[in-house]
Amino acid sequence: MRSKISYHDAPLVLAHSELSKATALVARLLDGADTLIPEPPSDAVHREALRQLVPRWHFAMLNDLGRNSLLQEAIENAVSPGDHVLDIGSGSGLLSMIAARNGADLVTSCEVVRPLARAASRVAADNGLADVVHVLNCRSDELIVGIDLPRPADVIVTEIVDCGLVGEGVIPTMRHAREHLLKPGGVMIPHGARLIAAPLNSASIAQMNHVEYACGFDVSHFNEFASSRYFKVRLRAWKYQMLAAPQVVLALDFVHDSLRPGEILVEFDVLHSGPCHGVAFWFELALDHKRVLSNEPSNETTHWHQAFQGFREPLDLVAGTTLRLRLKHSDDLIHFAPSD
């Protein structure tokens, strides 16, 4: 039986649909499936298909000097000559090459998007590392030690996080990798994360996912397409007020925690009266015990945005009271809701 899809999930379903279509098109182009494409595609069509499949943020990420330097330091601190390193979500292959340059005997890198996997292999070869960096076009939970990996990894490194931490699957990836792909006592980069949040008064940001009137017409029916999921926003680009001090609402230990879905009660001491349109949040990624990567609003150089999740209706908050929210966290979602 097909599961029922809530209209709140429509944006996610649409994104998955578009990604699936783009992936299928690129696969046909790369494989030269003449039975599906009567004539060979032009170079322009080929390039456009690749552009649709590979998000633009890859470029911003690769040019994020703060991110790159912290990850490089953490990898150099963890990797020793002779190590086997597993890079999950290779992208351009940058992290794999850092590990290889630091003396890793073998770097296995997995990337689910085929054009990216091929590009990472080419990048490694261009830098003289083809004998060390081996890129596989698959998910990490499809890897089997003894078949895909010659031995468990001494170090696992990944950076599959979005603005709200969990949207790219870092939680299930870490849960599987530490149990099946890492040697006992091996190193995980990152080894933990914290989520920091604050209730927000910002009609401007709320209007990115809500509408009432346009040119005198009631267009509120269009809100059926509004998402209940969080979305990315660059806080400094908008007018907003934090109604309570930012605080840690979720802490994850990727090495020891169960990393299973859960629900917790979060309480904020309200400092300012006003309408609360939703919750803004961001992450702190503990690469090791010294280096922390964060997309906090004050970090003006990070390529990551912050996350915002709106409420159906604004909450009227009064200074001196307590705001109680239920935080549900799963393998790919963080969600806040007013507590009854």
C-alpha atoms as a PDB file:
ATOM      1  CA  MET A   1       0.000   0.000   0.000  1.00  0.00           C
ATOM      2  CA  ARG A   2       1.353   3.409  -0.939  1.00  0.00           C
ATOM      3  CA  SER A   3       1.909   5.612   2.095  1.00  0.00           C
ATOM      4  CA  LYS A   4      -0.094   8.829   2.306  1.00  0.00           C
ATOM      5  CA  ILE A   5       1.936  11.976   1.690  1.00  0.00           C
ATOM      6  CA  SER A   6       1.025  15.119   3.607  1.00  0.00           C
ATOM      7  CA  TYR A   7       0.837  18.354   1.654  1.00  0.00           C
ATOM      8  CA  HIS A   8       3.466  19.670   4.064  1.00  0.00           C
ATOM      9  CA  ASP A   9       5.905  17.313   2.368  1.00  0.00           C
ATOM     10  CA  ALA A  10       5.144  18.631  -1.116  1.00  0.00           C
ATOM     11  CA  PRO A  11       8.375  20.691  -1.442  1.00  0.00           C
ATOM     12  CA  LEU A  12      10.471  17.678  -0.425  1.00  0.00           C
ATOM     13  CA  VAL A  13       8.618  15.351  -2.783  1.00  0.00           C
ATOM     14  CA  LEU A  14       9.070  17.830  -5.626  1.00  0.00           C
ATOM     15  CA  ALA A  15      12.797  18.148  -4.911  1.00  0.00           C
ATOM     16  CA  HIS A  16      13.193  14.366  -4.905  1.00  0.00           C
ATOM     17  CA  SER A  17      11.239  14.130  -8.160  1.00  0.00           C
ATOM     18  CA  GLU A  18      13.384  16.755  -9.872  1.00  0.00           C
ATOM     19  CA  LEU A  19      16.571  15.115  -8.620  1.00  0.00           C
ATOM     20  CA  SER A  20      15.403  11.710  -9.852  1.00  0.00           C
ATOM     21  CA  LYS A  21      14.637  13.091 -13.307  1.00  0.00           C
ATOM     22  CA  ALA A  22      17.972  14.884 -13.515  1.00  0.00           C
ATOM     23  CA  THR A  23      19.824  11.784 -12.324  1.00  0.00           C
ATOM     24  CA  ALA A  24      18.101   9.609 -14.904  1.00  0.00           C
ATOM     25  CA  LEU A  25      18.872  12.080 -17.681  1.00  0.00           C
ATOM     26  CA  VAL A  26      22.535  12.317 -16.754  1.00  0.00           C
ATOM     27  CA  ALA A  27      22.809   8.528 -16.463  1.00  0.00           C
ATOM     28  CA  ARG A  28      21.447   8.131 -19.986  1.00  0.00           C
ATOM     29  CA  LEU A  29      23.759  10.798 -21.299  1.00  0.00           C
ATOM     30  CA  LEU A  30      26.834   9.313 -19.685  1.00  0.00           C
ATOM     31  CA  ASP A  31      26.021   5.742 -20.643  1.00  0.00           C
ATOM     32  CA  GLY A  32      25.105   6.643 -24.221  1.00  0.00           C
ATOM     33  CA  ALA A  33      21.801   4.825 -24.074  1.00  0.00           C
ATOM     34  CA  ASP A  34      20.898   5.166 -27.748  1.00  0.00           C
ATOM     35  CA  THR A  35      17.642   3.301 -27.302  1.00  0.00           C
ATOM     36  CA  LEU A  36      16.430   6.057 -24.976  1.00  0.00           C
ATOM     37  CA  ILE A  37      18.033   9.019 -26.746  1.00  0.00           C
ATOM     38  CA  PRO A  38      17.699   8.677 -30.552  1.00  0.00           C
ATOM     39  CA  GLU A  39      20.498  11.132 -31.302  1.00  0.00           C
ATOM     40  CA  PRO A  40      23.686  11.762 -29.337  1.00  0.00           C
ATOM     41  CA  PRO A  41      23.192  14.811 -27.094  1.00  0.00           C
ATOM     42  CA  SER A  42      25.056  17.982 -27.876  1.00  0.00           C
ATOM     43  CA  ASP A  43      27.747  19.197 -25.521  1.00  0.00           C
ATOM     44  CA  ALA A  44      25.423  22.023 -24.446  1.00  0.00           C
ATOM     45  CA  VAL A  45      22.640  19.574 -23.494  1.00  0.00           C
ATOM     46  CA  HIS A  46      25.131  17.389 -21.663  1.00  0.00           C
ATOM     47  CA  ARG A  47      26.505  20.307 -19.668  1.00  0.00           C
ATOM     48  CA  GLU A  48      23.029  21.581 -18.820  1.00  0.00           C
ATOM     49  CA  ALA A  49      22.017  18.158 -17.494  1.00  0.00           C
ATOM     50  CA  LEU A  50      25.072  18.131 -15.259  1.00  0.00           C
ATOM     51  CA  ARG A  51      24.277  21.650 -14.020  1.00  0.00           C
ATOM     52  CA  GLN A  52      20.791  20.529 -13.019  1.00  0.00           C
ATOM     53  CA  LEU A  53      22.165  17.586 -11.086  1.00  0.00           C
ATOM     54  CA  VAL A  54      25.077  19.221  -9.251  1.00  0.00           C
ATOM     55  CA  PRO A  55      23.987  22.075  -6.934  1.00  0.00           C
ATOM     56  CA  ARG A  56      25.775  25.430  -7.132  1.00  0.00           C
ATOM     57  CA  TRP A  57      26.658  25.328  -3.441  1.00  0.00           C
ATOM     58  CA  HIS A  58      29.511  22.946  -4.255  1.00  0.00           C
ATOM     59  CA  PHE A  59      31.442  25.934  -5.571  1.00  0.00           C
ATOM     60  CA  ALA A  60      30.734  28.082  -2.513  1.00  0.00           C
ATOM     61  CA  MET A  61      31.722  25.162  -0.299  1.00  0.00           C
ATOM     62  CA  LEU A  62      35.036  24.621  -2.073  1.00  0.00           C
ATOM     63  CA  ASN A  63      35.795  28.334  -1.762  1.00  0.00           C
ATOM     64  CA  ASP A  64      34.941  28.430   1.958  1.00  0.00           C
ATOM     65  CA  LEU A  65      38.447  28.926   3.338  1.00  0.00           C
ATOM     66  CA  GLY A  66      37.392  28.660   6.985  1.00  0.00           C
ATOM     67  CA  ARG A  67      35.683  25.314   6.397  1.00  0.00           C
ATOM     68  CA  ASN A  68      38.567  23.970   4.339  1.00  0.00           C
ATOM     69  CA  SER A  69      41.282  24.937   6.817  1.00  0.00           C
ATOM     70  CA  LEU A  70      39.490  23.435   9.836  1.00  0.00           C
ATOM     71  CA  LEU A  71      38.787  20.171   8.023  1.00  0.00           C
ATOM     72  CA  GLN A  72      42.375  20.034   6.787  1.00  0.00           C
ATOM     73  CA  GLU A  73      43.727  20.518  10.301  1.00  0.00           C
ATOM     74  CA  ALA A  74      41.419  17.850  11.727  1.00  0.00           C
ATOM     75  CA  ILE A  75      42.343  15.322   9.038  1.00  0.00           C
ATOM     76  CA  GLU A  76      46.056  16.024   9.370  1.00  0.00           C
ATOM     77  CA  ASN A  77      45.750  15.567  13.131  1.00  0.00           C
ATOM     78  CA  ALA A  78      43.938  12.231  12.800  1.00  0.00           C
ATOM     79  CA  VAL A  79      45.563  10.494   9.832  1.00  0.00           C
ATOM     80  CA  SER A  80      48.869   8.666  10.173  1.00  0.00           C
ATOM     81  CA  PRO A  81      51.055   7.105   7.458  1.00  0.00           C
ATOM     82  CA  GLY A  82      49.687   3.718   6.443  1.00  0.00           C
ATOM     83  CA  ASP A  83      46.093   4.437   7.492  1.00  0.00           C
ATOM     84  CA  HIS A  84      43.030   3.433   5.550  1.00  0.00           C
ATOM     85  CA  VAL A  85      40.683   6.436   5.365  1.00  0.00           C
ATOM     86  CA  LEU A  86      37.033   6.321   4.327  1.00  0.00           C
ATOM     87  CA  ASP A  87      35.617   9.567   2.917  1.00  0.00           C
ATOM     88  CA  ILE A  88      31.822   9.487   2.801  1.00  0.00           C
ATOM     89  CA  GLY A  89      30.238  11.848   0.286  1.00  0.00           C
ATOM     90  CA  SER A  90      33.355  12.668  -1.664  1.00  0.00           C
ATOM     91  CA  GLY A  91      32.004  15.562  -3.742  1.00  0.00           C
ATOM     92  CA  SER A  92      35.114  17.004  -5.390  1.00  0.00           C
ATOM     93  CA  GLY A  93      37.380  14.589  -3.521  1.00  0.00           C
ATOM     94  CA  LEU A  94      39.022  17.367  -1.496  1.00  0.00           C
ATOM     95  CA  LEU A  95      38.942  15.591   1.868  1.00  0.00           C
ATOM     96  CA  SER A  96      40.225  12.375   0.299  1.00  0.00           C
ATOM     97  CA  MET A  97      43.186  14.194  -1.192  1.00  0.00           C
ATOM     98  CA  ILE A  98      44.016  15.856   2.115  1.00  0.00           C
ATOM     99  CA  ALA A  99      44.113  12.417   3.752  1.00  0.00           C
ATOM    100  CA  ALA A 100      46.283  11.023   0.944  1.00  0.00           C
ATOM    101  CA  ARG A 101      48.669  13.953   1.181  1.00  0.00           C
ATOM    102  CA  ASN A 102      49.005  13.281   4.891  1.00  0.00           C
ATOM    103  CA  GLY A 103      50.279   9.743   4.310  1.00  0.00           C
ATOM    104  CA  ALA A 104      47.182   7.545   4.151  1.00  0.00           C
ATOM    105  CA  ASP A 105      48.042   4.264   2.459  1.00  0.00           C
ATOM    106  CA  LEU A 106      44.554   3.991   0.951  1.00  0.00           C
ATOM    107  CA  VAL A 107      41.620   6.374   0.757  1.00  0.00           C
ATOM    108  CA  THR A 108      38.273   4.872  -0.175  1.00  0.00           C
ATOM    109  CA  SER A 109      35.783   7.534  -1.153  1.00  0.00           C
ATOM    110  CA  CYS A 110      32.112   6.957  -1.902  1.00  0.00           C
ATOM    111  CA  GLU A 111      29.790   9.309  -3.751  1.00  0.00           C
ATOM    112  CA  VAL A 112      26.201   8.483  -4.726  1.00  0.00           C
ATOM    113  CA  VAL A 113      25.946  11.038  -7.572  1.00  0.00           C
ATOM    114  CA  ARG A 114      27.658   9.438 -10.542  1.00  0.00           C
ATOM    115  CA  PRO A 115      28.961  12.601 -12.266  1.00  0.00           C
ATOM    116  CA  LEU A 116      30.445  13.766  -8.956  1.00  0.00           C
ATOM    117  CA  ALA A 117      32.093  10.382  -8.398  1.00  0.00           C
ATOM    118  CA  ARG A 118      33.639  10.544 -11.855  1.00  0.00           C
ATOM    119  CA  ALA A 119      34.748  14.127 -11.303  1.00  0.00           C
ATOM    120  CA  ALA A 120      36.351  13.226  -7.964  1.00  0.00           C
ATOM    121  CA  SER A 121      38.291  10.412  -9.650  1.00  0.00           C
ATOM    122  CA  ARG A 122      39.474  12.826 -12.316  1.00  0.00           C
ATOM    123  CA  VAL A 123      40.463  15.446  -9.742  1.00  0.00           C
ATOM    124  CA  ALA A 124      42.471  12.837  -7.794  1.00  0.00           C
ATOM    125  CA  ALA A 125      44.203  11.742 -10.996  1.00  0.00           C
ATOM    126  CA  ASP A 126      44.945  15.346 -11.964  1.00  0.00           C
ATOM    127  CA  ASN A 127      46.745  15.706  -8.636  1.00  0.00           C
ATOM    128  CA  GLY A 128      48.749  12.495  -8.996  1.00  0.00           C
ATOM    129  CA  LEU A 129      46.746  10.582  -6.377  1.00  0.00           C
ATOM    130  CA  ALA A 130      44.904   8.016  -8.503  1.00  0.00           C
ATOM    131  CA  ASP A 131      46.879   5.153  -6.935  1.00  0.00           C
ATOM    132  CA  VAL A 132      45.813   6.158  -3.416  1.00  0.00           C
ATOM    133  CA  VAL A 133      42.310   7.622  -3.775  1.00  0.00           C
ATOM    134  CA  HIS A 134      39.696   5.140  -4.992  1.00  0.00           C
ATOM    135  CA  VAL A 135      36.255   6.639  -5.627  1.00  0.00           C
ATOM    136  CA  LEU A 136      33.199   4.369  -5.616  1.00  0.00           C
ATOM    137  CA  ASN A 137      29.809   5.402  -6.984  1.00  0.00           C
ATOM    138  CA  CYS A 138      27.604   4.163  -4.144  1.00  0.00           C
ATOM    139  CA  ARG A 139      26.157   4.937  -0.736  1.00  0.00           C
ATOM    140  CA  SER A 140      28.276   4.242   2.317  1.00  0.00           C
ATOM    141  CA  ASP A 141      25.697   1.815   3.693  1.00  0.00           C
ATOM    142  CA  GLU A 142      26.207  -0.292   0.564  1.00  0.00           C
ATOM    143  CA  LEU A 143      29.912  -0.803   1.329  1.00  0.00           C
ATOM    144  CA  ILE A 144      31.022  -4.195   2.611  1.00  0.00           C
ATOM    145  CA  VAL A 145      34.339  -4.768   4.344  1.00  0.00           C
ATOM    146  CA  GLY A 146      36.243  -7.480   2.523  1.00  0.00           C
ATOM    147  CA  ILE A 147      34.555  -6.664  -0.782  1.00  0.00           C
ATOM    148  CA  ASP A 148      34.458  -2.906  -1.301  1.00  0.00           C
ATOM    149  CA  LEU A 149      36.896  -2.120   1.506  1.00  0.00           C
ATOM    150  CA  PRO A 150      40.016  -4.264   2.015  1.00  0.00           C
ATOM    151  CA  ARG A 151      39.795  -3.662   5.753  1.00  0.00           C
ATOM    152  CA  PRO A 152      37.862  -1.470   8.202  1.00  0.00           C
ATOM    153  CA  ALA A 153      38.788   2.189   8.090  1.00  0.00           C
ATOM    154  CA  ASP A 154      41.208   3.671  10.601  1.00  0.00           C
ATOM    155  CA  VAL A 155      39.612   7.078  10.047  1.00  0.00           C
ATOM    156  CA  ILE A 156      36.200   8.011   8.692  1.00  0.00           C
ATOM    157  CA  VAL A 157      35.642  11.567   7.523  1.00  0.00           C
ATOM    158  CA  THR A 158      32.445  13.098   6.218  1.00  0.00           C
ATOM    159  CA  GLU A 159      30.820  16.488   5.945  1.00  0.00           C
ATOM    160  CA  ILE A 160      27.338  15.673   4.698  1.00  0.00           C
ATOM    161  CA  VAL A 161      25.506  18.346   6.660  1.00  0.00           C
ATOM    162  CA  ASP A 162      23.069  21.026   5.559  1.00  0.00           C
ATOM    163  CA  CYS A 163      22.119  24.305   7.246  1.00  0.00           C
ATOM    164  CA  GLY A 164      20.032  22.421   9.829  1.00  0.00           C
ATOM    165  CA  LEU A 165      22.639  19.653  10.308  1.00  0.00           C
ATOM    166  CA  VAL A 166      20.587  16.549   9.510  1.00  0.00           C
ATOM    167  CA  GLY A 167      19.086  17.125   6.049  1.00  0.00           C
ATOM    168  CA  GLU A 168      21.799  15.282   4.101  1.00  0.00           C
ATOM    169  CA  GLY A 169      21.665  12.145   6.218  1.00  0.00           C
ATOM    170  CA  VAL A 170      24.640  12.525   8.539  1.00  0.00           C
ATOM    171  CA  ILE A 171      22.872  10.710  11.401  1.00  0.00           C
ATOM    172  CA  PRO A 172      22.055   7.374   9.712  1.00  0.00           C
ATOM    173  CA  THR A 173      25.367   7.553   7.868  1.00  0.00           C
ATOM    174  CA  MET A 174      27.346   7.819  11.110  1.00  0.00           C
ATOM    175  CA  ARG A 175      25.201   5.172  12.819  1.00  0.00           C
ATOM    176  CA  HIS A 176      25.939   2.643  10.084  1.00  0.00           C
ATOM    177  CA  ALA A 177      29.564   3.591   9.477  1.00  0.00           C
ATOM    178  CA  ARG A 178      30.729   3.307  13.078  1.00  0.00           C
ATOM    179  CA  GLU A 179      29.224  -0.182  13.391  1.00  0.00           C
ATOM    180  CA  HIS A 180      30.135  -1.694  10.040  1.00  0.00           C
ATOM    181  CA  LEU A 181      33.007   0.258   8.466  1.00  0.00           C
ATOM    182  CA  LEU A 182      35.230   1.596  11.286  1.00  0.00           C
ATOM    183  CA  LYS A 183      37.846  -0.440  13.075  1.00  0.00           C
ATOM    184  CA  PRO A 184      37.554  -0.663  16.892  1.00  0.00           C
ATOM    185  CA  GLY A 185      39.013   2.495  18.349  1.00  0.00           C
ATOM    186  CA  GLY A 186      39.024   4.232  14.982  1.00  0.00           C
ATOM    187  CA  VAL A 187      38.531   7.972  14.529  1.00  0.00           C
ATOM    188  CA  MET A 188      35.384   9.667  13.249  1.00  0.00           C
ATOM    189  CA  ILE A 189      35.483  13.199  11.821  1.00  0.00           C
ATOM    190  CA  PRO A 190      33.276  14.805  13.006  1.00  0.00           C
ATOM    191  CA  HIS A 191      32.762  13.024  16.311  1.00  0.00           C
ATOM    192  CA  GLY A 192      29.804  15.094  17.488  1.00  0.00           C
ATOM    193  CA  ALA A 193      27.516  18.035  16.919  1.00  0.00           C
ATOM    194  CA  ARG A 194      25.329  20.517  18.752  1.00  0.00           C
ATOM    195  CA  LEU A 195      22.256  22.339  17.538  1.00  0.00           C
ATOM    196  CA  ILE A 196      21.692  25.905  18.765  1.00  0.00           C
ATOM    197  CA  ALA A 197      18.294  27.569  18.411  1.00  0.00           C
ATOM    198  CA  ALA A 198      16.357  30.729  19.268  1.00  0.00           C
ATOM    199  CA  PRO A 199      12.707  31.788  18.796  1.00  0.00           C
ATOM    200  CA  LEU A 200      12.442  34.489  16.167  1.00  0.00           C
ATOM    201  CA  ASN A 201      10.261  37.487  15.515  1.00  0.00           C
ATOM    202  CA  SER A 202      10.570  38.141  11.795  1.00  0.00           C
ATOM    203  CA  ALA A 203       7.601  38.736   9.530  1.00  0.00           C
ATOM    204  CA  SER A 204      10.043  39.102   6.638  1.00  0.00           C
ATOM    205  CA  ILE A 205      11.461  35.612   7.038  1.00  0.00           C
ATOM    206  CA  ALA A 206       8.023  34.132   7.742  1.00  0.00           C
ATOM    207  CA  GLN A 207       6.790  35.525   4.413  1.00  0.00           C
ATOM    208  CA  MET A 208       9.274  33.290   2.618  1.00  0.00           C
ATOM    209  CA  ASN A 209       6.873  30.438   3.398  1.00  0.00           C
ATOM    210  CA  HIS A 210       3.508  32.175   3.905  1.00  0.00           C
ATOM    211  CA  VAL A 211       1.215  34.563   2.034  1.00  0.00           C
ATOM    212  CA  GLU A 212      -2.143  36.262   2.629  1.00  0.00           C
ATOM    213  CA  TYR A 213      -2.784  39.004   0.062  1.00  0.00           C
ATOM    214  CA  ALA A 214      -1.193  40.097  -3.208  1.00  0.00           C
ATOM    215  CA  CYS A 215      -2.389  43.166  -5.168  1.00  0.00           C
ATOM    216  CA  GLY A 216      -5.555  43.201  -3.078  1.00  0.00           C
ATOM    217  CA  PHE A 217      -6.419  39.559  -3.763  1.00  0.00           C
ATOM    218  CA  ASP A 218      -6.771  36.882  -1.100  1.00  0.00           C
ATOM    219  CA  VAL A 219      -4.209  34.270  -2.176  1.00  0.00           C
ATOM    220  CA  SER A 220      -4.019  32.490   1.181  1.00  0.00           C
ATOM    221  CA  HIS A 221      -5.116  29.228  -0.432  1.00  0.00           C
ATOM    222  CA  PHE A 222      -1.585  29.109  -1.847  1.00  0.00           C
ATOM    223  CA  ASN A 223      -0.399  28.244   1.669  1.00  0.00           C
ATOM    224  CA  GLU A 224      -1.293  24.632   0.930  1.00  0.00           C
ATOM    225  CA  PHE A 225       2.151  24.542  -0.677  1.00  0.00           C
ATOM    226  CA  ALA A 226       3.917  25.903   2.409  1.00  0.00           C
ATOM    227  CA  SER A 227       6.439  23.574   3.980  1.00  0.00           C
ATOM    228  CA  SER A 228       6.418  22.539   7.606  1.00  0.00           C
ATOM    229  CA  ARG A 229      10.083  21.597   7.246  1.00  0.00           C
ATOM    230  CA  TYR A 230      12.951  23.936   7.926  1.00  0.00           C
ATOM    231  CA  PHE A 231      14.535  25.853   5.070  1.00  0.00           C
ATOM    232  CA  LYS A 232      17.733  27.820   4.645  1.00  0.00           C
ATOM    233  CA  VAL A 233      17.922  31.545   5.310  1.00  0.00           C
ATOM    234  CA  ARG A 234      20.791  33.989   5.710  1.00  0.00           C
ATOM    235  CA  LEU A 235      19.691  35.660   8.930  1.00  0.00           C
ATOM    236  CA  ARG A 236      21.855  38.737   8.538  1.00  0.00           C
ATOM    237  CA  ALA A 237      20.075  39.550   5.280  1.00  0.00           C
ATOM    238  CA  TRP A 238      16.721  40.018   7.011  1.00  0.00           C
ATOM    239  CA  LYS A 239      15.213  42.089   9.802  1.00  0.00           C
ATOM    240  CA  TYR A 240      14.632  39.895  12.845  1.00  0.00           C
ATOM    241  CA  GLN A 241      14.625  39.835  16.639  1.00  0.00           C
ATOM    242  CA  MET A 242      15.593  36.910  18.814  1.00  0.00           C
ATOM    243  CA  LEU A 243      12.958  36.713  21.539  1.00  0.00           C
ATOM    244  CA  ALA A 244      15.172  34.584  23.781  1.00  0.00           C
ATOM    245  CA  ALA A 245      18.878  33.912  24.060  1.00  0.00           C
ATOM    246  CA  PRO A 246      20.187  31.207  21.708  1.00  0.00           C
ATOM    247  CA  GLN A 247      20.771  27.916  23.497  1.00  0.00           C
ATOM    248  CA  VAL A 248      21.840  24.361  22.803  1.00  0.00           C
ATOM    249  CA  VAL A 249      18.735  22.289  22.122  1.00  0.00           C
ATOM    250  CA  LEU A 250      20.300  19.042  20.925  1.00  0.00           C
ATOM    251  CA  ALA A 251      23.713  17.431  21.414  1.00  0.00           C
ATOM    252  CA  LEU A 252      24.826  14.366  19.464  1.00  0.00           C
ATOM    253  CA  ASP A 253      27.811  12.108  20.062  1.00  0.00           C
ATOM    254  CA  PHE A 254      28.371  10.325  16.755  1.00  0.00           C
ATOM    255  CA  VAL A 255      30.637   7.767  18.422  1.00  0.00           C
ATOM    256  CA  HIS A 256      28.587   6.678  21.438  1.00  0.00           C
ATOM    257  CA  ASP A 257      24.970   7.891  21.203  1.00  0.00           C
ATOM    258  CA  SER A 258      22.240   5.644  19.842  1.00  0.00           C
ATOM    259  CA  LEU A 259      21.478   8.288  17.168  1.00  0.00           C
ATOM    260  CA  ARG A 260      17.885   7.099  17.082  1.00  0.00           C
ATOM    261  CA  PRO A 261      14.900   9.405  16.485  1.00  0.00           C
ATOM    262  CA  GLY A 262      13.541  11.054  19.593  1.00  0.00           C
ATOM    263  CA  GLU A 263      11.593  13.920  21.112  1.00  0.00           C
ATOM    264  CA  ILE A 264      12.630  16.336  23.842  1.00  0.00           C
ATOM    265  CA  LEU A 265      11.108  19.333  25.596  1.00  0.00           C
ATOM    266  CA  VAL A 266      12.973  22.595  25.068  1.00  0.00           C
ATOM    267  CA  GLU A 267      12.358  25.633  27.253  1.00  0.00           C
ATOM    268  CA  PHE A 268      13.314  29.224  26.444  1.00  0.00           C
ATOM    269  CA  ASP A 269      13.251  32.133  28.907  1.00  0.00           C
ATOM    270  CA  VAL A 270      11.488  34.846  26.907  1.00  0.00           C
ATOM    271  CA  LEU A 271      13.409  38.142  27.020  1.00  0.00           C
ATOM    272  CA  HIS A 272      11.304  40.236  24.637  1.00  0.00           C
ATOM    273  CA  SER A 273       7.574  40.429  24.033  1.00  0.00           C
ATOM    274  CA  GLY A 274       6.331  39.995  20.481  1.00  0.00           C
ATOM    275  CA  PRO A 275       5.075  37.554  17.873  1.00  0.00           C
ATOM    276  CA  CYS A 276       7.186  34.427  17.436  1.00  0.00           C
ATOM    277  CA  HIS A 277       7.047  33.394  13.788  1.00  0.00           C
ATOM    278  CA  GLY A 278       9.272  30.368  14.188  1.00  0.00           C
ATOM    279  CA  VAL A 279      12.656  29.064  15.277  1.00  0.00           C
ATOM    280  CA  ALA A 280      16.067  29.788  13.788  1.00  0.00           C
ATOM    281  CA  PHE A 281      18.806  27.249  14.381  1.00  0.00           C
ATOM    282  CA  TRP A 282      22.333  26.350  13.339  1.00  0.00           C
ATOM    283  CA  PHE A 283      25.005  23.779  14.151  1.00  0.00           C
ATOM    284  CA  GLU A 284      28.374  23.372  15.790  1.00  0.00           C
ATOM    285  CA  LEU A 285      30.249  20.437  14.282  1.00  0.00           C
ATOM    286  CA  ALA A 286      32.985  19.017  16.510  1.00  0.00           C
ATOM    287  CA  LEU A 287      35.641  17.822  14.082  1.00  0.00           C
ATOM    288  CA  ASP A 288      37.860  16.814  16.986  1.00  0.00           C
ATOM    289  CA  HIS A 289      38.400  18.019  20.537  1.00  0.00           C
ATOM    290  CA  LYS A 290      39.927  21.321  19.375  1.00  0.00           C
ATOM    291  CA  ARG A 291      38.237  22.278  16.107  1.00  0.00           C
ATOM    292  CA  VAL A 292      34.593  23.248  15.715  1.00  0.00           C
ATOM    293  CA  LEU A 293      32.915  24.097  12.430  1.00  0.00           C
ATOM    294  CA  SER A 294      29.815  26.281  12.729  1.00  0.00           C
ATOM    295  CA  ASN A 295      27.306  28.188  10.606  1.00  0.00           C
ATOM    296  CA  GLU A 296      26.341  30.516  13.453  1.00  0.00           C
ATOM    297  CA  PRO A 297      24.820  33.838  12.305  1.00  0.00           C
ATOM    298  CA  SER A 298      27.899  35.813  13.349  1.00  0.00           C
ATOM    299  CA  ASN A 299      30.084  33.775  10.996  1.00  0.00           C
ATOM    300  CA  GLU A 300      29.998  36.009   7.930  1.00  0.00           C
ATOM    301  CA  THR A 301      32.367  33.863   5.847  1.00  0.00           C
ATOM    302  CA  THR A 302      30.625  30.507   6.059  1.00  0.00           C
ATOM    303  CA  HIS A 303      28.971  29.283   2.863  1.00  0.00           C
ATOM    304  CA  TRP A 304      26.190  27.692   4.914  1.00  0.00           C
ATOM    305  CA  HIS A 305      22.997  29.580   5.637  1.00  0.00           C
ATOM    306  CA  GLN A 306      21.105  29.147   8.899  1.00  0.00           C
ATOM    307  CA  ALA A 307      17.916  27.095   9.222  1.00  0.00           C
ATOM    308  CA  PHE A 308      14.443  28.465   9.919  1.00  0.00           C
ATOM    309  CA  GLN A 309      11.244  26.591  10.667  1.00  0.00           C
ATOM    310  CA  GLY A 310       8.059  28.596  10.840  1.00  0.00           C
ATOM    311  CA  PHE A 311       4.864  28.003  12.787  1.00  0.00           C
ATOM    312  CA  ARG A 312       1.395  27.801  11.234  1.00  0.00           C
ATOM    313  CA  GLU A 313       0.406  30.856  13.254  1.00  0.00           C
ATOM    314  CA  PRO A 314       2.682  33.245  15.211  1.00  0.00           C
ATOM    315  CA  LEU A 315       2.909  32.689  18.952  1.00  0.00           C
ATOM    316  CA  ASP A 316       2.366  35.754  21.122  1.00  0.00           C
ATOM    317  CA  LEU A 317       5.231  35.739  23.623  1.00  0.00           C
ATOM    318  CA  VAL A 318       5.518  37.876  26.741  1.00  0.00           C
ATOM    319  CA  ALA A 319       8.818  38.814  28.348  1.00  0.00           C
ATOM    320  CA  GLY A 320       9.433  37.005  31.623  1.00  0.00           C
ATOM    321  CA  THR A 321       7.508  33.890  30.641  1.00  0.00           C
ATOM    322  CA  THR A 322       8.731  30.522  29.397  1.00  0.00           C
ATOM    323  CA  LEU A 323       8.319  29.210  25.865  1.00  0.00           C
ATOM    324  CA  ARG A 324       8.053  25.429  25.739  1.00  0.00           C
ATOM    325  CA  LEU A 325       8.612  23.625  22.458  1.00  0.00           C
ATOM    326  CA  ARG A 326       8.677  19.965  21.512  1.00  0.00           C
ATOM    327  CA  LEU A 327      11.727  19.176  19.409  1.00  0.00           C
ATOM    328  CA  LYS A 328      11.407  16.052  17.288  1.00  0.00           C
ATOM    329  CA  HIS A 329      14.564  14.781  15.627  1.00  0.00           C
ATOM    330  CA  SER A 330      14.831  11.977  13.120  1.00  0.00           C
ATOM    331  CA  ASP A 331      17.308  10.728  10.547  1.00  0.00           C
ATOM    332  CA  ASP A 332      16.679  13.688   8.246  1.00  0.00           C
ATOM    333  CA  LEU A 333      14.535  16.222  10.070  1.00  0.00           C
ATOM    334  CA  ILE A 334      14.531  18.664  12.959  1.00  0.00           C
ATOM    335  CA  HIS A 335      11.068  19.948  13.854  1.00  0.00           C
ATOM    336  CA  PHE A 336       9.829  22.311  16.558  1.00  0.00           C
ATOM    337  CA  ALA A 337       6.196  22.509  17.713  1.00  0.00           C
ATOM    338  CA  PRO A 338       4.526  24.412  20.581  1.00  0.00           C
ATOM    339  CA  SER A 339       4.102  22.201  23.634  1.00  0.00           C
ATOM    340  CA  ASP A 340       0.556  21.736  24.893  1.00  0.00           C
END
